[in-house]
Amino acid sequence: MINIKKTLRITILCALLIAFCNCGSYHAKSMLFQAKVQQGDMQGALSIIDNNKFLAKPRNQLLYLFEKGKLAYLAGDYELSNELFNKADLIIESNKKAIGNQLLGVVLNPEKETYTGEDSEKVAIHYYKALNYTFLGKYDDALVEAKRVRLQLQKLNDKYPSGKKNRYKDDAFSHIVQGLLYEASGDINNAFIAYRNAVDLYLENEGIYIGVHIPDQLGKDLLRTANAMGFMDQVKHYEQLLGITFVPQKIPEGGEAILFWENGLSPYKEETYYTFTILPGNDIGFLTIINKDLSLNLPLPIPTGGDNHADFSDLDIFNIAYPKYVSQPSLYHSAEVYIDSTSYQFQLAQNYEEIAFKTLRDRTLREIGKTALRLGTKKVSEYIVKNQNKDLGALLGIFNAFTESADTRNWQSLPNKVFYTRVPLKKGENILSIQLNSNHENLNFRKIKIKGTGGIQFQSIATPEVISALLR
């Protein structure tokens, strides 16, 4: 039996190792550049992110490219943004993982593994590449990326066994973007097909898909392009299904502006733990199950053999850690565009928060076995040591419990939601006034100048402000 002083020294050593291993969530490590994003200082955020030691680790290269690519997009550097996203795309396609990191993920915690990205993140890069190409005037390249959204989703889902697929298996917004791009390039037939694909996806899901109700603008665009192609049977068919009537509109002389509004920030990851502790007793011991998120603290009496004997080595403790998303309330809840005293409401088109929660739950259900393997590896090592020294084995059990950690990495500069609207333009200069509505401060207005040239033009605005960050 080891003496008390030696036990104390080992305990202190374990505590130091635990402090070294548990260095906080990725959200905490990214606060510096996230603060710059909140302030609207994208150049400052780009400068800071290159000095982030956590993102500089080779295992986090994909996450670095995600974050910096989005910051370059927000800064209006669309060439740099696509350069970074193309590198991320190559990493995703190669699917390479460092064996050493994979082993660390099994024996310690999964944040030591090479980051491969959530499925929804692998899809989102194609949306941003499409927008980058759109703003660069490269509509053909933009269409390729918009189409890759659905192909990527199919590819991801094909690798999962039956009954464990993602619920996020298609993307209505990608079809809408395709339709808009086809229209901008003058291909009305393919625009109609893209809009119809989006509408059908909504209708197959009772009018709501991944937290988004079918946008009114989408129904109007479908009926308008069907009418333009002379598909009158399709006009009547979808009028009945959507409960709307097609009303022909005069083509604006100055063309139209398609405005995308990216609002808020996506949820970030933290950990939730289930802690199981067996406390020794002379006759009756206790198995205690604790989970703070559920306010669970359940002691269960268990017999200990009735030998009226209890040692420190009888202590048994283990943790199971899972990642969880934490929602970030957006400062603005709605917005509209005013032009010549007429308003046009932004309509929800993509809900990244809902996608994040759903895809994480789907992944967690698939990876229960992986979590069990990590726990089993730790317990086997503990029992091997216990066979040599019971007290050391108990201390290793405590160390294993406290070093158990979930992977808290995720692409945190993604928006919470994406909205869009369609605004008619007059020839020459147009001034669009965007009203941002919030319950926490006075209305915020932004101005955009657009020259009406007769075609479709694309613009975007971003309001990454979240309430918690501003009130900090």
Protein backbone atom coordinates (compact mmCIF):
# COMPACT_ATOMS: atom_id res chain seq x y z
CA MET A 1 0.00 0.00 0.00
CA ILE A 2 1.45 3.34 -0.96
CA ASN A 3 1.87 5.88 1.83
CA ILE A 4 -0.12 9.10 2.16
CA LYS A 5 2.69 11.39 0.99
CA LYS A 6 3.27 9.37 -2.15
CA THR A 7 -0.47 9.29 -2.83
CA LEU A 8 -0.57 13.07 -2.44
CA ARG A 9 2.32 13.56 -4.88
CA ILE A 10 0.67 11.37 -7.46
CA THR A 11 -2.62 13.18 -7.00
CA ILE A 12 -0.92 16.56 -7.57
CA LEU A 13 0.78 15.18 -10.68
CA CYS A 14 -2.58 13.98 -11.98
CA ALA A 15 -4.11 17.39 -11.31
CA LEU A 16 -1.33 19.10 -13.27
CA LEU A 17 -1.78 16.73 -16.17
CA ILE A 18 -5.52 17.32 -16.14
CA ALA A 19 -5.01 21.09 -16.21
CA PHE A 20 -2.66 20.66 -19.16
CA CYS A 21 -5.05 18.47 -21.12
CA ASN A 22 -8.23 20.48 -20.57
CA CYS A 23 -7.53 23.90 -22.05
CA GLY A 24 -11.10 25.05 -22.73
CA SER A 25 -13.47 24.84 -25.66
CA TYR A 26 -12.70 26.03 -29.17
CA HIS A 27 -15.27 28.79 -28.64
CA ALA A 28 -13.09 30.18 -25.83
CA LYS A 29 -9.99 29.90 -28.01
CA SER A 30 -11.61 31.85 -30.85
CA MET A 31 -12.97 34.77 -28.84
CA LEU A 32 -10.36 37.29 -30.05
CA PHE A 33 -11.17 37.09 -33.75
CA GLN A 34 -14.88 36.54 -33.03
CA ALA A 35 -14.90 39.84 -31.13
CA LYS A 36 -13.52 41.59 -34.22
CA VAL A 37 -16.27 40.02 -36.32
CA GLN A 38 -18.85 41.37 -33.86
CA GLN A 39 -17.32 44.83 -34.22
CA GLY A 40 -17.39 44.64 -38.02
CA ASP A 41 -13.59 44.75 -38.20
CA MET A 42 -12.99 41.96 -40.70
CA GLN A 43 -9.42 43.01 -41.52
CA GLY A 44 -8.64 42.92 -37.82
CA ALA A 45 -10.22 39.47 -37.56
CA LEU A 46 -8.14 38.23 -40.52
CA SER A 47 -4.97 39.49 -38.85
CA ILE A 48 -5.79 37.87 -35.51
CA ILE A 49 -6.79 34.49 -36.92
CA ASP A 50 -3.31 33.97 -38.37
CA ASN A 51 -1.89 34.23 -34.84
CA ASN A 52 -4.35 31.76 -33.31
CA LYS A 53 -2.12 28.96 -31.95
CA PHE A 54 -4.96 26.46 -31.75
CA LEU A 55 -5.93 26.91 -35.42
CA ALA A 56 -2.24 26.78 -36.39
CA LYS A 57 -2.02 23.12 -35.30
CA PRO A 58 -1.89 20.77 -38.33
CA ARG A 59 -4.89 18.79 -37.07
CA ASN A 60 -7.00 21.98 -37.24
CA GLN A 61 -6.04 23.06 -40.76
CA LEU A 62 -9.52 22.48 -42.20
CA LEU A 63 -11.13 24.54 -39.43
CA TYR A 64 -8.62 27.34 -40.07
CA LEU A 65 -9.52 27.37 -43.77
CA PHE A 66 -13.25 27.41 -42.97
CA GLU A 67 -12.94 30.35 -40.61
CA LYS A 68 -10.47 32.42 -42.63
CA GLY A 69 -12.36 31.75 -45.86
CA LYS A 70 -15.55 33.10 -44.31
CA LEU A 71 -13.75 36.15 -42.89
CA ALA A 72 -12.30 36.92 -46.34
CA TYR A 73 -15.82 36.66 -47.78
CA LEU A 74 -17.14 39.09 -45.16
CA ALA A 75 -14.25 41.43 -45.96
CA GLY A 76 -15.26 41.39 -49.66
CA ASP A 77 -12.06 39.61 -50.77
CA TYR A 78 -13.85 36.99 -52.85
CA GLU A 79 -10.72 35.78 -54.65
CA LEU A 80 -8.93 35.04 -51.37
CA SER A 81 -12.08 33.47 -49.92
CA ASN A 82 -12.36 31.00 -52.79
CA GLU A 83 -8.63 30.28 -52.68
CA LEU A 84 -9.04 29.20 -49.05
CA PHE A 85 -12.28 27.30 -49.65
CA ASN A 86 -10.72 25.45 -52.59
CA LYS A 87 -7.94 24.25 -50.28
CA ALA A 88 -10.59 23.16 -47.76
CA ASP A 89 -12.43 21.36 -50.55
CA LEU A 90 -9.28 19.40 -51.44
CA ILE A 91 -8.78 18.34 -47.82
CA ILE A 92 -12.40 17.15 -47.58
CA GLU A 93 -12.10 15.20 -50.83
CA SER A 94 -8.81 13.56 -49.79
CA ASN A 95 -10.27 12.60 -46.39
CA LYS A 96 -6.79 12.07 -44.93
CA LYS A 97 -6.39 11.56 -41.20
CA ALA A 98 -3.19 11.43 -39.17
CA ILE A 99 -2.91 8.00 -37.54
CA GLY A 100 -1.17 9.39 -34.47
CA ASN A 101 -3.96 11.91 -33.94
CA GLN A 102 -6.58 9.18 -34.36
CA LEU A 103 -4.92 7.14 -31.60
CA LEU A 104 -4.83 10.16 -29.29
CA GLY A 105 -8.52 10.62 -29.98
CA VAL A 106 -9.20 7.08 -28.78
CA VAL A 107 -7.05 7.10 -25.66
CA LEU A 108 -7.54 10.73 -24.56
CA ASN A 109 -10.24 12.82 -26.26
CA PRO A 110 -11.49 13.33 -29.85
CA GLU A 111 -10.31 16.95 -30.07
CA LYS A 112 -6.82 15.52 -30.55
CA GLU A 113 -7.92 13.99 -33.86
CA THR A 114 -7.58 15.65 -37.25
CA TYR A 115 -10.64 17.83 -37.76
CA THR A 116 -12.69 16.58 -40.71
CA GLY A 117 -15.66 18.93 -40.36
CA GLU A 118 -19.34 18.42 -39.72
CA ASP A 119 -21.35 17.25 -42.72
CA SER A 120 -23.22 20.56 -42.84
CA GLU A 121 -19.89 22.44 -42.98
CA LYS A 122 -18.69 20.35 -45.92
CA VAL A 123 -21.84 21.44 -47.73
CA ALA A 124 -21.70 25.12 -46.71
CA ILE A 125 -18.39 25.79 -48.46
CA HIS A 126 -20.09 25.22 -51.82
CA TYR A 127 -22.70 27.87 -51.00
CA TYR A 128 -19.97 30.37 -50.21
CA LYS A 129 -17.92 29.44 -53.24
CA ALA A 130 -21.06 29.96 -55.35
CA LEU A 131 -21.59 33.40 -53.82
CA ASN A 132 -17.95 34.34 -54.28
CA TYR A 133 -18.11 33.43 -57.97
CA THR A 134 -21.44 35.29 -58.28
CA PHE A 135 -19.98 38.50 -56.89
CA LEU A 136 -17.00 38.06 -59.22
CA GLY A 137 -19.43 37.81 -62.16
CA LYS A 138 -18.55 34.16 -62.88
CA TYR A 139 -22.05 32.72 -63.07
CA ASP A 140 -21.07 29.42 -64.73
CA ASP A 141 -18.61 28.64 -61.93
CA ALA A 142 -21.20 29.71 -59.38
CA LEU A 143 -23.74 27.28 -60.84
CA VAL A 144 -21.24 24.42 -60.61
CA GLU A 145 -20.79 25.07 -56.89
CA ALA A 146 -24.53 25.46 -56.26
CA LYS A 147 -25.11 22.07 -57.89
CA ARG A 148 -22.36 20.49 -55.80
CA VAL A 149 -24.39 21.14 -52.63
CA ARG A 150 -26.85 18.37 -53.48
CA LEU A 151 -24.10 16.08 -54.81
CA GLN A 152 -22.11 16.51 -51.60
CA LEU A 153 -25.16 15.70 -49.48
CA GLN A 154 -25.82 12.56 -51.50
CA LYS A 155 -22.17 11.51 -51.23
CA LEU A 156 -22.16 12.00 -47.45
CA ASN A 157 -25.40 10.13 -46.90
CA ASP A 158 -24.40 7.20 -49.12
CA LYS A 159 -21.61 6.24 -46.70
CA TYR A 160 -23.97 5.83 -43.74
CA PRO A 161 -25.89 2.58 -43.05
CA SER A 162 -29.63 2.37 -43.45
CA GLY A 163 -31.47 3.86 -40.49
CA LYS A 164 -28.55 6.16 -39.62
CA LYS A 165 -28.75 8.67 -42.45
CA ASN A 166 -28.75 12.43 -42.04
CA ARG A 167 -32.12 14.13 -42.02
CA TYR A 168 -30.36 16.93 -43.88
CA LYS A 169 -30.31 15.02 -47.15
CA ASP A 170 -31.15 17.80 -49.60
CA ASP A 171 -30.94 21.59 -49.59
CA ALA A 172 -33.85 23.71 -50.78
CA PHE A 173 -31.78 26.89 -50.63
CA SER A 174 -29.22 25.50 -53.09
CA HIS A 175 -32.05 24.92 -55.59
CA ILE A 176 -33.24 28.50 -55.09
CA VAL A 177 -29.71 29.84 -55.67
CA GLN A 178 -29.46 27.72 -58.82
CA GLY A 179 -32.75 29.15 -60.08
CA LEU A 180 -31.59 32.71 -59.45
CA LEU A 181 -28.29 32.12 -61.22
CA TYR A 182 -29.99 30.48 -64.20
CA GLU A 183 -32.31 33.48 -64.45
CA ALA A 184 -29.40 35.89 -64.26
CA SER A 185 -27.74 34.08 -67.17
CA GLY A 186 -30.99 34.05 -69.21
CA ASP A 187 -31.73 30.30 -68.91
CA ILE A 188 -35.39 30.46 -67.87
CA ASN A 189 -36.13 26.76 -68.50
CA ASN A 190 -33.47 25.56 -66.08
CA ALA A 191 -34.47 28.30 -63.65
CA PHE A 192 -38.00 26.87 -63.65
CA ILE A 193 -36.66 23.35 -63.01
CA ALA A 194 -34.52 24.55 -60.09
CA TYR A 195 -37.42 26.44 -58.51
CA ARG A 196 -39.68 23.43 -58.99
CA ASN A 197 -37.13 21.16 -57.29
CA ALA A 198 -37.09 23.52 -54.31
CA VAL A 199 -40.89 23.74 -54.12
CA ASP A 200 -41.27 19.96 -54.40
CA LEU A 201 -38.80 19.45 -51.55
CA TYR A 202 -40.89 21.73 -49.34
CA LEU A 203 -44.14 20.08 -50.35
CA GLU A 204 -42.71 16.61 -49.64
CA ASN A 205 -42.09 17.86 -46.09
CA GLU A 206 -45.48 19.50 -45.52
CA GLY A 207 -44.28 22.98 -46.43
CA ILE A 208 -41.36 23.22 -43.98
CA TYR A 209 -37.85 21.84 -44.37
CA ILE A 210 -35.06 21.98 -41.77
CA GLY A 211 -36.67 24.87 -39.90
CA VAL A 212 -37.64 26.92 -42.98
CA HIS A 213 -41.19 27.49 -44.27
CA ILE A 214 -41.55 27.69 -48.02
CA PRO A 215 -40.75 31.31 -49.00
CA ASP A 216 -43.52 33.25 -50.74
CA GLN A 217 -40.97 34.56 -53.24
CA LEU A 218 -40.11 31.01 -54.29
CA GLY A 219 -43.73 30.26 -55.23
CA LYS A 220 -43.94 33.48 -57.24
CA ASP A 221 -40.69 32.71 -59.07
CA LEU A 222 -41.86 29.19 -59.92
CA LEU A 223 -45.19 30.37 -61.39
CA ARG A 224 -43.53 33.26 -63.25
CA THR A 225 -40.88 31.08 -64.95
CA ALA A 226 -43.46 28.37 -65.74
CA ASN A 227 -45.65 31.01 -67.40
CA ALA A 228 -42.66 32.43 -69.30
CA MET A 229 -41.96 28.96 -70.73
CA GLY A 230 -45.63 28.46 -71.65
CA PHE A 231 -46.07 25.60 -69.14
CA MET A 232 -49.64 26.53 -68.29
CA ASP A 233 -50.47 23.07 -66.90
CA GLN A 234 -47.62 23.55 -64.41
CA VAL A 235 -48.92 27.01 -63.50
CA LYS A 236 -52.36 25.59 -62.67
CA HIS A 237 -50.87 22.57 -60.87
CA TYR A 238 -48.74 24.62 -58.52
CA GLU A 239 -51.36 27.31 -58.02
CA GLN A 240 -53.52 24.58 -56.48
CA LEU A 241 -50.71 23.05 -54.43
CA LEU A 242 -49.43 26.37 -53.09
CA GLY A 243 -52.82 28.05 -52.70
CA ILE A 244 -51.74 31.16 -54.64
CA THR A 245 -52.77 32.76 -57.93
CA PHE A 246 -50.28 33.81 -60.58
CA VAL A 247 -50.42 37.54 -61.30
CA PRO A 248 -48.28 38.72 -64.25
CA GLN A 249 -45.91 41.55 -63.34
CA LYS A 250 -44.34 44.14 -65.58
CA ILE A 251 -40.62 43.54 -66.12
CA PRO A 252 -38.69 46.31 -64.30
CA GLU A 253 -36.79 48.57 -66.68
CA GLY A 254 -33.71 48.60 -64.51
CA GLY A 255 -33.77 44.88 -63.79
CA GLU A 256 -33.78 43.40 -60.29
CA ALA A 257 -31.55 43.12 -57.25
CA ILE A 258 -31.30 39.84 -55.36
CA LEU A 259 -30.25 40.61 -51.80
CA PHE A 260 -28.96 37.99 -49.38
CA TRP A 261 -28.97 38.82 -45.67
CA GLU A 262 -26.78 36.69 -43.39
CA ASN A 263 -27.95 37.21 -39.83
CA GLY A 264 -26.29 36.27 -36.54
CA LEU A 265 -23.82 33.48 -35.91
CA SER A 266 -24.27 29.74 -35.88
CA PRO A 267 -24.36 27.92 -32.52
CA TYR A 268 -21.05 26.93 -30.98
CA LYS A 269 -20.10 23.68 -29.27
CA GLU A 270 -19.61 23.03 -25.59
CA GLU A 271 -19.49 19.79 -23.60
CA THR A 272 -22.05 17.91 -21.62
CA TYR A 273 -20.96 15.16 -19.22
CA TYR A 274 -22.49 12.10 -17.68
CA THR A 275 -20.39 11.33 -14.60
CA PHE A 276 -20.67 7.96 -12.87
CA THR A 277 -19.06 7.63 -9.43
CA ILE A 278 -18.98 4.58 -7.20
CA LEU A 279 -18.21 5.63 -3.61
CA PRO A 280 -17.10 2.84 -1.28
CA GLY A 281 -18.93 2.12 1.96
CA ASN A 282 -18.58 -0.37 4.81
CA ASP A 283 -21.76 -2.16 3.86
CA ILE A 284 -23.67 0.07 1.44
CA GLY A 285 -21.99 2.23 -1.20
CA PHE A 286 -23.43 4.65 -3.74
CA LEU A 287 -23.41 4.87 -7.52
CA THR A 288 -23.99 8.55 -8.31
CA ILE A 289 -25.00 9.74 -11.80
CA ILE A 290 -24.48 13.45 -12.48
CA ASN A 291 -25.34 15.64 -15.48
CA LYS A 292 -25.41 19.40 -14.94
CA ASP A 293 -27.38 20.20 -18.12
CA LEU A 294 -30.23 17.98 -16.94
CA SER A 295 -29.80 19.04 -13.27
CA LEU A 296 -29.29 15.35 -12.60
CA ASN A 297 -27.66 14.22 -9.36
CA LEU A 298 -28.93 10.73 -8.64
CA PRO A 299 -27.32 8.65 -5.87
CA LEU A 300 -28.21 4.97 -6.04
CA PRO A 301 -27.38 2.70 -3.07
CA ILE A 302 -25.47 -0.44 -4.02
CA PRO A 303 -24.25 -3.34 -1.84
CA THR A 304 -20.48 -3.58 -1.37
CA GLY A 305 -20.21 -7.16 -0.21
CA GLY A 306 -20.95 -6.70 3.47
CA ASP A 307 -17.34 -7.20 4.59
CA ASN A 308 -17.33 -3.93 6.62
CA HIS A 309 -14.23 -2.86 4.74
CA ALA A 310 -13.68 0.08 2.35
CA ASP A 311 -10.44 1.32 0.76
CA PHE A 312 -9.49 4.26 -1.42
CA SER A 313 -8.92 1.77 -4.22
CA ASP A 314 -12.64 0.90 -4.13
CA LEU A 315 -13.36 4.34 -5.62
CA ASP A 316 -14.45 4.09 -9.26
CA ILE A 317 -15.27 7.10 -11.44
CA PHE A 318 -15.77 7.62 -15.15
CA ASN A 319 -17.07 10.36 -17.44
CA ILE A 320 -18.79 10.22 -20.80
CA ALA A 321 -18.49 13.52 -22.67
CA TYR A 322 -20.67 14.56 -25.59
CA PRO A 323 -20.58 17.77 -27.63
CA LYS A 324 -23.65 19.98 -27.54
CA TYR A 325 -24.55 23.13 -29.42
CA VAL A 326 -25.21 26.40 -27.64
CA SER A 327 -27.50 28.82 -29.47
CA GLN A 328 -26.47 32.46 -29.92
CA PRO A 329 -29.48 34.81 -30.10
CA SER A 330 -29.14 37.21 -33.03
CA LEU A 331 -29.42 40.93 -32.40
CA TYR A 332 -31.77 41.43 -35.36
CA HIS A 333 -34.91 39.37 -35.89
CA SER A 334 -36.21 40.73 -39.23
CA ALA A 335 -35.41 43.19 -41.99
CA GLU A 336 -36.95 44.81 -45.03
CA VAL A 337 -35.74 46.84 -48.00
CA TYR A 338 -37.26 50.20 -48.92
CA ILE A 339 -37.02 51.67 -52.41
CA ASP A 340 -39.21 54.56 -53.57
CA SER A 341 -41.46 54.18 -50.48
CA THR A 342 -42.13 50.50 -51.28
CA SER A 343 -40.94 47.81 -48.89
CA TYR A 344 -39.79 44.26 -49.63
CA GLN A 345 -39.52 41.80 -46.74
CA PHE A 346 -36.49 39.55 -46.35
CA GLN A 347 -37.64 35.92 -46.26
CA LEU A 348 -35.92 33.05 -44.46
CA ALA A 349 -34.18 30.69 -46.89
CA GLN A 350 -31.60 28.76 -44.82
CA ASN A 351 -31.50 27.91 -41.12
CA TYR A 352 -27.94 26.91 -40.21
CA GLU A 353 -28.81 26.65 -36.52
CA GLU A 354 -31.46 24.03 -37.19
CA ILE A 355 -29.14 22.17 -39.56
CA ALA A 356 -26.38 22.16 -36.92
CA PHE A 357 -28.59 20.73 -34.17
CA LYS A 358 -30.10 18.06 -36.42
CA THR A 359 -26.85 16.89 -38.01
CA LEU A 360 -25.04 16.73 -34.65
CA ARG A 361 -27.80 14.57 -33.23
CA ASP A 362 -27.62 12.28 -36.26
CA ARG A 363 -23.84 12.01 -35.91
CA THR A 364 -24.00 11.34 -32.17
CA LEU A 365 -26.34 8.40 -32.73
CA ARG A 366 -23.86 6.97 -35.25
CA GLU A 367 -20.81 7.47 -33.00
CA ILE A 368 -21.98 5.94 -29.73
CA GLY A 369 -19.72 2.97 -30.46
CA LYS A 370 -16.71 5.26 -30.89
CA THR A 371 -17.42 6.90 -27.53
CA ALA A 372 -17.74 3.48 -25.90
CA LEU A 373 -14.38 2.45 -27.40
CA ARG A 374 -12.67 5.51 -25.90
CA LEU A 375 -14.24 4.82 -22.50
CA GLY A 376 -13.35 1.13 -22.72
CA THR A 377 -9.72 1.88 -23.57
CA LYS A 378 -9.40 4.15 -20.54
CA LYS A 379 -11.00 1.63 -18.18
CA VAL A 380 -8.79 -1.22 -19.44
CA SER A 381 -5.68 0.87 -18.74
CA GLU A 382 -7.03 1.63 -15.27
CA TYR A 383 -7.65 -2.01 -14.42
CA ILE A 384 -4.20 -3.05 -15.67
CA VAL A 385 -2.63 -0.55 -13.26
CA LYS A 386 -4.99 -1.65 -10.47
CA ASN A 387 -3.66 -5.18 -10.77
CA GLN A 388 -0.22 -3.81 -9.92
CA ASN A 389 -1.27 -1.19 -7.37
CA LYS A 390 -4.90 -0.65 -6.42
CA ASP A 391 -4.47 2.93 -5.24
CA LEU A 392 -2.57 3.95 -8.37
CA GLY A 393 -5.32 2.34 -10.42
CA ALA A 394 -7.93 4.37 -8.60
CA LEU A 395 -5.94 7.57 -9.22
CA LEU A 396 -5.63 6.71 -12.92
CA GLY A 397 -9.39 6.26 -12.98
CA ILE A 398 -9.80 9.80 -11.61
CA PHE A 399 -7.33 11.13 -14.20
CA ASN A 400 -9.15 9.33 -17.03
CA ALA A 401 -12.45 10.75 -15.86
CA PHE A 402 -11.20 14.33 -15.79
CA THR A 403 -9.38 14.11 -19.13
CA GLU A 404 -12.50 12.80 -20.85
CA SER A 405 -13.52 15.53 -23.25
CA ALA A 406 -15.74 16.07 -26.28
CA ASP A 407 -14.71 17.67 -29.55
CA THR A 408 -15.91 21.28 -29.36
CA ARG A 409 -14.61 22.36 -32.74
CA ASN A 410 -17.04 23.74 -35.32
CA TRP A 411 -17.15 26.44 -37.99
CA GLN A 412 -18.28 29.32 -35.80
CA SER A 413 -18.29 32.20 -38.29
CA LEU A 414 -21.17 30.68 -40.24
CA PRO A 415 -24.39 32.71 -39.99
CA ASN A 416 -27.32 31.64 -37.89
CA LYS A 417 -29.78 32.16 -40.75
CA VAL A 418 -29.79 33.37 -44.36
CA PHE A 419 -32.64 35.46 -45.78
CA TYR A 420 -33.24 36.80 -49.27
CA THR A 421 -35.49 39.19 -51.16
CA ARG A 422 -36.03 40.35 -54.72
CA VAL A 423 -36.25 44.09 -55.46
CA PRO A 424 -37.23 45.74 -58.80
CA LEU A 425 -34.91 48.50 -59.99
CA LYS A 426 -35.37 51.57 -62.13
CA LYS A 427 -32.84 52.56 -64.76
CA GLY A 428 -29.86 54.44 -63.42
CA GLU A 429 -28.98 54.86 -59.77
CA ASN A 430 -31.12 53.20 -57.10
CA ILE A 431 -30.74 53.74 -53.37
CA LEU A 432 -31.93 50.80 -51.29
CA SER A 433 -32.54 51.44 -47.60
CA ILE A 434 -32.37 48.31 -45.46
CA GLN A 435 -34.18 48.46 -42.14
CA LEU A 436 -32.88 46.05 -39.49
CA ASN A 437 -35.32 45.34 -36.67
CA SER A 438 -34.23 44.54 -33.13
CA ASN A 439 -35.93 44.33 -29.74
CA HIS A 440 -32.79 45.57 -27.98
CA GLU A 441 -32.01 48.91 -29.60
CA ASN A 442 -33.38 51.45 -32.07
CA LEU A 443 -33.85 50.52 -35.70
CA ASN A 444 -30.68 50.27 -37.75
CA PHE A 445 -30.60 51.40 -41.38
CA ARG A 446 -28.09 50.57 -44.09
CA LYS A 447 -27.88 52.06 -47.56
CA ILE A 448 -26.92 50.29 -50.77
CA LYS A 449 -26.47 52.02 -54.13
CA ILE A 450 -27.21 49.93 -57.21
CA LYS A 451 -27.23 51.05 -60.83
CA GLY A 452 -30.14 49.52 -62.72
CA THR A 453 -28.86 48.06 -66.00
CA GLY A 454 -31.77 45.82 -66.96
CA GLY A 455 -30.41 42.51 -65.65
CA ILE A 456 -30.30 40.67 -62.32
CA GLN A 457 -27.68 41.82 -59.82
CA PHE A 458 -26.62 40.19 -56.56
CA GLN A 459 -25.75 41.88 -53.27
CA SER A 460 -25.28 40.64 -49.73
CA ILE A 461 -25.21 42.13 -46.26
CA ALA A 462 -24.12 40.51 -43.02
CA THR A 463 -25.11 41.29 -39.44
CA PRO A 464 -23.10 38.84 -37.30
CA GLU A 465 -23.98 40.64 -34.06
CA VAL A 466 -25.32 38.40 -31.32
CA ILE A 467 -26.94 39.61 -28.13
CA SER A 468 -24.63 37.85 -25.67
CA ALA A 469 -21.49 39.32 -27.26
CA LEU A 470 -22.83 42.86 -27.24
CA LEU A 471 -23.98 42.71 -23.62
CA ARG A 472 -20.73 41.22 -22.35
